[in-house]
């Protein structure tokens, strides 16, 4: 039975029923909350532009060099991959927000560079940058 007037006749109800709207919005909220973490995949890398000036550093970054032969070094100290990961873990425990810069030879294999960046990311570092050289002026 609907609302009635004082004379006993039914009147038209023009109120909006918001219950279905709230139900739909809650379902959409749950869907977005579940799918949002799945949208962040891969390795986050901030690539500096080669024509930009260098930025001032507040702290000393860790520079990892990768040669074209696939050899690694941290701050000019040569290491094998297992020791590189151990050193990165030590540095992560001492300073979790320290930036990491990858200085890879332009002739290094792409797979080696990606593996190196994945190793850095797996340790827990979020700030990964690439060191480049400015283009030569003609």
Protein backbone atom coordinates (compact mmCIF):
# COMPACT_ATOMS: atom_id res chain seq x y z
CA UNK A 1 0.00 0.00 0.00
CA UNK A 2 1.25 3.45 -0.86
CA UNK A 3 0.84 6.69 1.02
CA UNK A 4 -2.69 8.02 1.15
CA UNK A 5 -4.18 11.49 1.46
CA UNK A 6 -6.63 12.43 4.17
CA UNK A 7 -9.53 11.69 1.83
CA UNK A 8 -8.39 8.08 1.33
CA UNK A 9 -7.06 8.39 -2.22
CA UNK A 10 -3.54 7.22 -3.10
CA UNK A 11 -1.03 9.84 -4.14
CA UNK A 12 1.91 9.50 -6.49
CA UNK A 13 5.29 8.88 -4.81
CA UNK A 14 8.02 10.95 -6.45
CA UNK A 15 10.91 10.12 -4.06
CA UNK A 16 14.08 8.61 -5.46
CA UNK A 17 14.96 5.20 -4.09
CA UNK A 18 18.69 5.47 -3.33
CA UNK A 19 19.15 1.92 -2.05
CA UNK A 20 19.90 0.41 -5.49
CA UNK A 21 22.27 3.32 -6.21
CA UNK A 22 24.18 2.68 -2.98
CA UNK A 23 24.36 -1.05 -3.77
CA UNK A 24 25.81 -0.40 -7.23
CA UNK A 25 28.34 2.12 -5.86
CA UNK A 26 29.53 -0.33 -3.20
CA UNK A 27 29.99 -3.07 -5.79
CA UNK A 28 31.99 -0.68 -8.01
CA UNK A 29 34.10 0.39 -5.04
CA UNK A 30 34.94 -3.23 -4.22
CA UNK A 31 35.80 -3.97 -7.87
CA UNK A 32 38.17 -0.98 -8.04
CA UNK A 33 39.78 -1.85 -4.71
CA UNK A 34 40.49 -5.39 -5.90
CA UNK A 35 41.76 -4.48 -9.38
CA UNK A 36 43.86 -1.38 -8.48
CA UNK A 37 46.86 -3.32 -7.07
CA UNK A 38 46.93 -5.48 -10.20
CA UNK A 39 47.45 -2.43 -12.41
CA UNK A 40 50.94 -1.68 -11.02
CA UNK A 41 53.28 -4.13 -12.69
CA UNK A 42 56.84 -4.03 -13.88
CA UNK A 43 59.82 -2.05 -12.70
CA UNK A 44 59.39 1.65 -12.04
CA UNK A 45 62.23 3.60 -13.55
CA UNK A 46 62.59 7.35 -13.67
CA UNK A 47 64.58 8.07 -16.81
CA UNK A 48 66.14 11.53 -16.81
CA UNK A 49 66.10 13.49 -20.00
CA UNK A 50 69.50 13.77 -21.59
CA UNK A 51 69.08 17.47 -22.33
CA UNK A 52 68.13 18.46 -18.77
CA UNK A 53 70.60 19.81 -16.25
CA UNK A 54 71.60 17.55 -13.40
CA UNK A 55 69.65 17.86 -10.17
CA UNK A 56 71.19 18.62 -6.80
CA UNK A 57 71.41 15.58 -4.56
CA UNK A 58 70.65 15.79 -0.85
CA UNK A 59 72.23 12.40 -0.20
CA UNK A 60 74.89 10.30 -1.88
CA UNK A 61 73.30 7.90 -4.35
CA UNK A 62 74.49 4.37 -5.01
CA UNK A 63 75.86 4.08 -8.55
CA UNK A 64 75.78 0.60 -10.08
CA UNK A 65 77.82 0.24 -13.24
CA UNK A 66 77.12 -2.45 -15.84
CA UNK A 67 79.80 -3.01 -18.50
CA UNK A 68 79.16 -4.32 -21.99
CA UNK A 69 80.66 -7.65 -20.86
CA UNK A 70 78.00 -7.90 -18.12
CA UNK A 71 80.24 -7.13 -15.12
CA UNK A 72 78.78 -5.24 -12.14
CA UNK A 73 80.31 -2.72 -9.76
CA UNK A 74 78.92 -0.62 -6.92
CA UNK A 75 80.57 2.79 -6.57
CA UNK A 76 83.52 1.51 -8.69
CA UNK A 77 83.99 -1.66 -6.58
CA UNK A 78 83.68 -4.75 -8.85
CA UNK A 79 81.27 -7.46 -7.63
CA UNK A 80 79.60 -10.61 -8.88
CA UNK A 81 75.78 -10.72 -8.96
CA UNK A 82 75.32 -12.58 -5.65
CA UNK A 83 77.56 -10.11 -3.79
CA UNK A 84 75.84 -7.21 -5.55
CA UNK A 85 72.48 -8.32 -4.14
CA UNK A 86 73.98 -8.73 -0.65
CA UNK A 87 75.51 -5.25 -0.77
CA UNK A 88 72.19 -3.79 -1.94
CA UNK A 89 70.39 -5.49 0.96
CA UNK A 90 72.88 -3.98 3.42
CA UNK A 91 72.41 -0.54 1.90
CA UNK A 92 68.62 -0.97 1.97
CA UNK A 93 68.69 -1.83 5.68
CA UNK A 94 70.74 1.28 6.45
CA UNK A 95 68.73 3.71 4.25
CA UNK A 96 65.52 2.56 2.55
CA UNK A 97 64.97 5.79 0.61
CA UNK A 98 68.43 6.03 -0.88
CA UNK A 99 68.37 6.55 -4.65
CA UNK A 100 70.00 3.97 -6.93
CA UNK A 101 71.49 5.01 -10.28
CA UNK A 102 72.23 2.51 -13.02
CA UNK A 103 75.14 3.41 -15.28
CA UNK A 104 74.94 0.88 -18.10
CA UNK A 105 77.13 0.75 -21.17
CA UNK A 106 75.16 1.51 -24.33
CA UNK A 107 76.38 -1.79 -25.79
CA UNK A 108 75.31 -3.85 -22.75
CA UNK A 109 72.66 -6.47 -23.39
CA UNK A 110 69.11 -5.32 -22.74
CA UNK A 111 68.43 -8.45 -20.72
CA UNK A 112 71.34 -7.68 -18.39
CA UNK A 113 70.04 -4.17 -17.71
CA UNK A 114 66.51 -5.43 -17.02
CA UNK A 115 67.81 -8.19 -14.75
CA UNK A 116 69.89 -5.65 -12.83
CA UNK A 117 66.89 -3.35 -12.37
CA UNK A 118 64.73 -6.30 -11.28
CA UNK A 119 67.37 -7.26 -8.68
CA UNK A 120 67.41 -3.69 -7.36
CA UNK A 121 63.62 -3.64 -7.19
CA UNK A 122 63.46 -7.05 -5.47
CA UNK A 123 65.69 -5.77 -2.66
CA UNK A 124 63.13 -3.02 -2.02
CA UNK A 125 64.52 0.18 -3.53
CA UNK A 126 61.93 2.38 -5.24
CA UNK A 127 64.09 5.22 -6.56
CA UNK A 128 65.91 3.88 -9.60
CA UNK A 129 67.46 6.27 -12.11
CA UNK A 130 69.52 5.91 -15.27
CA UNK A 131 72.74 7.84 -15.82
CA UNK A 132 73.08 9.14 -19.34
CA UNK A 133 75.39 11.46 -21.20
CA UNK A 134 74.19 14.67 -22.84
CA UNK A 135 74.13 14.60 -26.62
CA UNK A 136 77.19 15.92 -28.39
CA UNK A 137 76.82 19.37 -29.90
CA UNK A 138 77.70 19.60 -33.55
